[in-house]
């Protein structure tokens, strides 16, 4: 007997964005939370995400953003400072670290 379980609580954070993003323009990124089956899941409480960019000369992000209770995503508008690449990491309680290489 094969048994498969699905956890419908948030288990990963995904950052979706245009690649590459454009210099001197407002670019929109979307941070989303997904369950263990990679389906969007609504937050049961406010979830604070910590954003870290390793190259602030290229891309500056807010330190924290919050996905509010009842939502599964948050849009984030950014304007890059220079051409280059930046590695962006997203940290959240009880979820694994997500890292993205963003090119401007």
C-alpha atoms as a PDB file:
ATOM      1  CA  UNK A   1       0.000   0.000   0.000  1.00  0.00           C
ATOM      2  CA  UNK A   2       1.457   3.340  -1.037  1.00  0.00           C
ATOM      3  CA  UNK A   3       0.513   6.295   1.120  1.00  0.00           C
ATOM      4  CA  UNK A   4       1.150   9.842   0.037  1.00  0.00           C
ATOM      5  CA  UNK A   5       0.620  12.779   2.362  1.00  0.00           C
ATOM      6  CA  UNK A   6       0.299  16.459   1.611  1.00  0.00           C
ATOM      7  CA  UNK A   7       1.003  19.206   4.089  1.00  0.00           C
ATOM      8  CA  UNK A   8      -1.080  22.277   3.305  1.00  0.00           C
ATOM      9  CA  UNK A   9       0.876  24.599   5.574  1.00  0.00           C
ATOM     10  CA  UNK A  10       3.496  26.930   4.029  1.00  0.00           C
ATOM     11  CA  UNK A  11       6.671  24.999   3.322  1.00  0.00           C
ATOM     12  CA  UNK A  12       8.562  27.135   0.785  1.00  0.00           C
ATOM     13  CA  UNK A  13       8.939  30.711  -0.410  1.00  0.00           C
ATOM     14  CA  UNK A  14       9.308  31.461  -4.115  1.00  0.00           C
ATOM     15  CA  UNK A  15      10.394  34.762  -5.655  1.00  0.00           C
ATOM     16  CA  UNK A  16       9.022  35.337  -9.146  1.00  0.00           C
ATOM     17  CA  UNK A  17      10.458  38.100 -11.349  1.00  0.00           C
ATOM     18  CA  UNK A  18      11.325  39.060 -14.894  1.00  0.00           C
ATOM     19  CA  UNK A  19      14.795  37.849 -15.857  1.00  0.00           C
ATOM     20  CA  UNK A  20      16.723  39.993 -16.509  1.00  0.00           C
ATOM     21  CA  UNK A  21      15.227  42.933 -14.674  1.00  0.00           C
ATOM     22  CA  UNK A  22      15.651  46.379 -16.207  1.00  0.00           C
ATOM     23  CA  UNK A  23      17.831  49.248 -15.004  1.00  0.00           C
ATOM     24  CA  UNK A  24      16.234  52.621 -14.115  1.00  0.00           C
ATOM     25  CA  UNK A  25      12.723  51.172 -14.305  1.00  0.00           C
ATOM     26  CA  UNK A  26      10.266  49.965 -11.714  1.00  0.00           C
ATOM     27  CA  UNK A  27      10.340  46.157 -11.763  1.00  0.00           C
ATOM     28  CA  UNK A  28       7.832  44.008  -9.907  1.00  0.00           C
ATOM     29  CA  UNK A  29       8.814  40.888  -8.011  1.00  0.00           C
ATOM     30  CA  UNK A  30       6.322  38.636  -6.276  1.00  0.00           C
ATOM     31  CA  UNK A  31       7.095  36.617  -3.163  1.00  0.00           C
ATOM     32  CA  UNK A  32       4.738  33.637  -2.825  1.00  0.00           C
ATOM     33  CA  UNK A  33       4.286  30.860  -0.293  1.00  0.00           C
ATOM     34  CA  UNK A  34       3.629  27.291  -1.366  1.00  0.00           C
ATOM     35  CA  UNK A  35       2.740  24.024   0.370  1.00  0.00           C
ATOM     36  CA  UNK A  36       4.680  20.762   0.116  1.00  0.00           C
ATOM     37  CA  UNK A  37       3.047  20.030  -3.270  1.00  0.00           C
ATOM     38  CA  UNK A  38       4.114  23.402  -4.721  1.00  0.00           C
ATOM     39  CA  UNK A  39       0.578  24.789  -4.626  1.00  0.00           C
ATOM     40  CA  UNK A  40      -0.133  28.319  -3.368  1.00  0.00           C
ATOM     41  CA  UNK A  41      -1.294  28.281   0.240  1.00  0.00           C
ATOM     42  CA  UNK A  42      -3.004  31.083   2.150  1.00  0.00           C
ATOM     43  CA  UNK A  43      -1.186  32.288   5.256  1.00  0.00           C
ATOM     44  CA  UNK A  44      -2.891  31.320   8.517  1.00  0.00           C
ATOM     45  CA  UNK A  45      -1.013  34.170  10.249  1.00  0.00           C
ATOM     46  CA  UNK A  46       1.221  37.040   9.157  1.00  0.00           C
ATOM     47  CA  UNK A  47       4.490  35.702   7.726  1.00  0.00           C
ATOM     48  CA  UNK A  48       7.539  37.959   7.792  1.00  0.00           C
ATOM     49  CA  UNK A  49      10.117  37.365   5.078  1.00  0.00           C
ATOM     50  CA  UNK A  50      13.674  38.653   5.443  1.00  0.00           C
ATOM     51  CA  UNK A  51      15.327  39.644   2.157  1.00  0.00           C
ATOM     52  CA  UNK A  52      19.107  39.774   1.803  1.00  0.00           C
ATOM     53  CA  UNK A  53      20.964  41.030  -1.286  1.00  0.00           C
ATOM     54  CA  UNK A  54      24.695  40.329  -1.517  1.00  0.00           C
ATOM     55  CA  UNK A  55      25.324  43.250  -3.918  1.00  0.00           C
ATOM     56  CA  UNK A  56      23.545  46.377  -2.710  1.00  0.00           C
ATOM     57  CA  UNK A  57      25.331  48.446  -5.362  1.00  0.00           C
ATOM     58  CA  UNK A  58      23.184  46.665  -7.971  1.00  0.00           C
ATOM     59  CA  UNK A  59      19.974  45.881  -6.094  1.00  0.00           C
ATOM     60  CA  UNK A  60      18.633  47.190  -2.808  1.00  0.00           C
ATOM     61  CA  UNK A  61      15.657  45.440  -1.259  1.00  0.00           C
ATOM     62  CA  UNK A  62      13.633  46.133   1.877  1.00  0.00           C
ATOM     63  CA  UNK A  63      14.953  44.116   4.818  1.00  0.00           C
ATOM     64  CA  UNK A  64      11.546  42.672   5.696  1.00  0.00           C
ATOM     65  CA  UNK A  65       8.229  42.202   3.932  1.00  0.00           C
ATOM     66  CA  UNK A  66       5.084  40.604   5.321  1.00  0.00           C
ATOM     67  CA  UNK A  67       2.584  38.289   3.694  1.00  0.00           C
ATOM     68  CA  UNK A  68      -0.534  39.061   5.687  1.00  0.00           C
ATOM     69  CA  UNK A  69      -2.973  36.498   7.040  1.00  0.00           C
ATOM     70  CA  UNK A  70      -5.315  35.301   4.289  1.00  0.00           C
ATOM     71  CA  UNK A  71      -2.899  36.111   1.435  1.00  0.00           C
ATOM     72  CA  UNK A  72      -0.433  33.856  -0.393  1.00  0.00           C
ATOM     73  CA  UNK A  73       1.751  36.472  -2.077  1.00  0.00           C
ATOM     74  CA  UNK A  74       3.082  40.004  -1.815  1.00  0.00           C
ATOM     75  CA  UNK A  75       4.171  42.183  -4.752  1.00  0.00           C
ATOM     76  CA  UNK A  76       7.417  44.087  -4.379  1.00  0.00           C
ATOM     77  CA  UNK A  77       8.387  47.017  -6.612  1.00  0.00           C
ATOM     78  CA  UNK A  78      12.121  47.662  -6.985  1.00  0.00           C
ATOM     79  CA  UNK A  79      14.322  49.947  -9.072  1.00  0.00           C
ATOM     80  CA  UNK A  80      17.847  48.556  -9.657  1.00  0.00           C
ATOM     81  CA  UNK A  81      20.790  50.935  -9.172  1.00  0.00           C
ATOM     82  CA  UNK A  82      23.341  49.517 -11.636  1.00  0.00           C
ATOM     83  CA  UNK A  83      23.991  46.784 -14.184  1.00  0.00           C
ATOM     84  CA  UNK A  84      25.299  43.547 -12.721  1.00  0.00           C
ATOM     85  CA  UNK A  85      24.158  40.560 -10.715  1.00  0.00           C
ATOM     86  CA  UNK A  86      23.003  40.104  -7.168  1.00  0.00           C
ATOM     87  CA  UNK A  87      22.280  37.001  -5.169  1.00  0.00           C
ATOM     88  CA  UNK A  88      19.055  37.417  -3.200  1.00  0.00           C
ATOM     89  CA  UNK A  89      18.153  35.154  -0.304  1.00  0.00           C
ATOM     90  CA  UNK A  90      14.771  34.890   1.409  1.00  0.00           C
ATOM     91  CA  UNK A  91      14.522  33.712   4.996  1.00  0.00           C
ATOM     92  CA  UNK A  92      11.281  32.831   6.783  1.00  0.00           C
ATOM     93  CA  UNK A  93      10.427  30.953   9.961  1.00  0.00           C
ATOM     94  CA  UNK A  94       9.879  27.219   9.464  1.00  0.00           C
ATOM     95  CA  UNK A  95      10.753  27.355   5.747  1.00  0.00           C
ATOM     96  CA  UNK A  96      13.998  26.540   3.946  1.00  0.00           C
ATOM     97  CA  UNK A  97      16.280  29.261   2.626  1.00  0.00           C
ATOM     98  CA  UNK A  98      15.503  30.306  -0.963  1.00  0.00           C
ATOM     99  CA  UNK A  99      18.263  31.902  -3.057  1.00  0.00           C
ATOM    100  CA  UNK A 100      18.044  33.560  -6.488  1.00  0.00           C
ATOM    101  CA  UNK A 101      20.657  35.034  -8.841  1.00  0.00           C
ATOM    102  CA  UNK A 102      19.160  38.233 -10.279  1.00  0.00           C
ATOM    103  CA  UNK A 103      20.649  39.897 -13.348  1.00  0.00           C
ATOM    104  CA  UNK A 104      20.115  43.580 -14.158  1.00  0.00           C
END
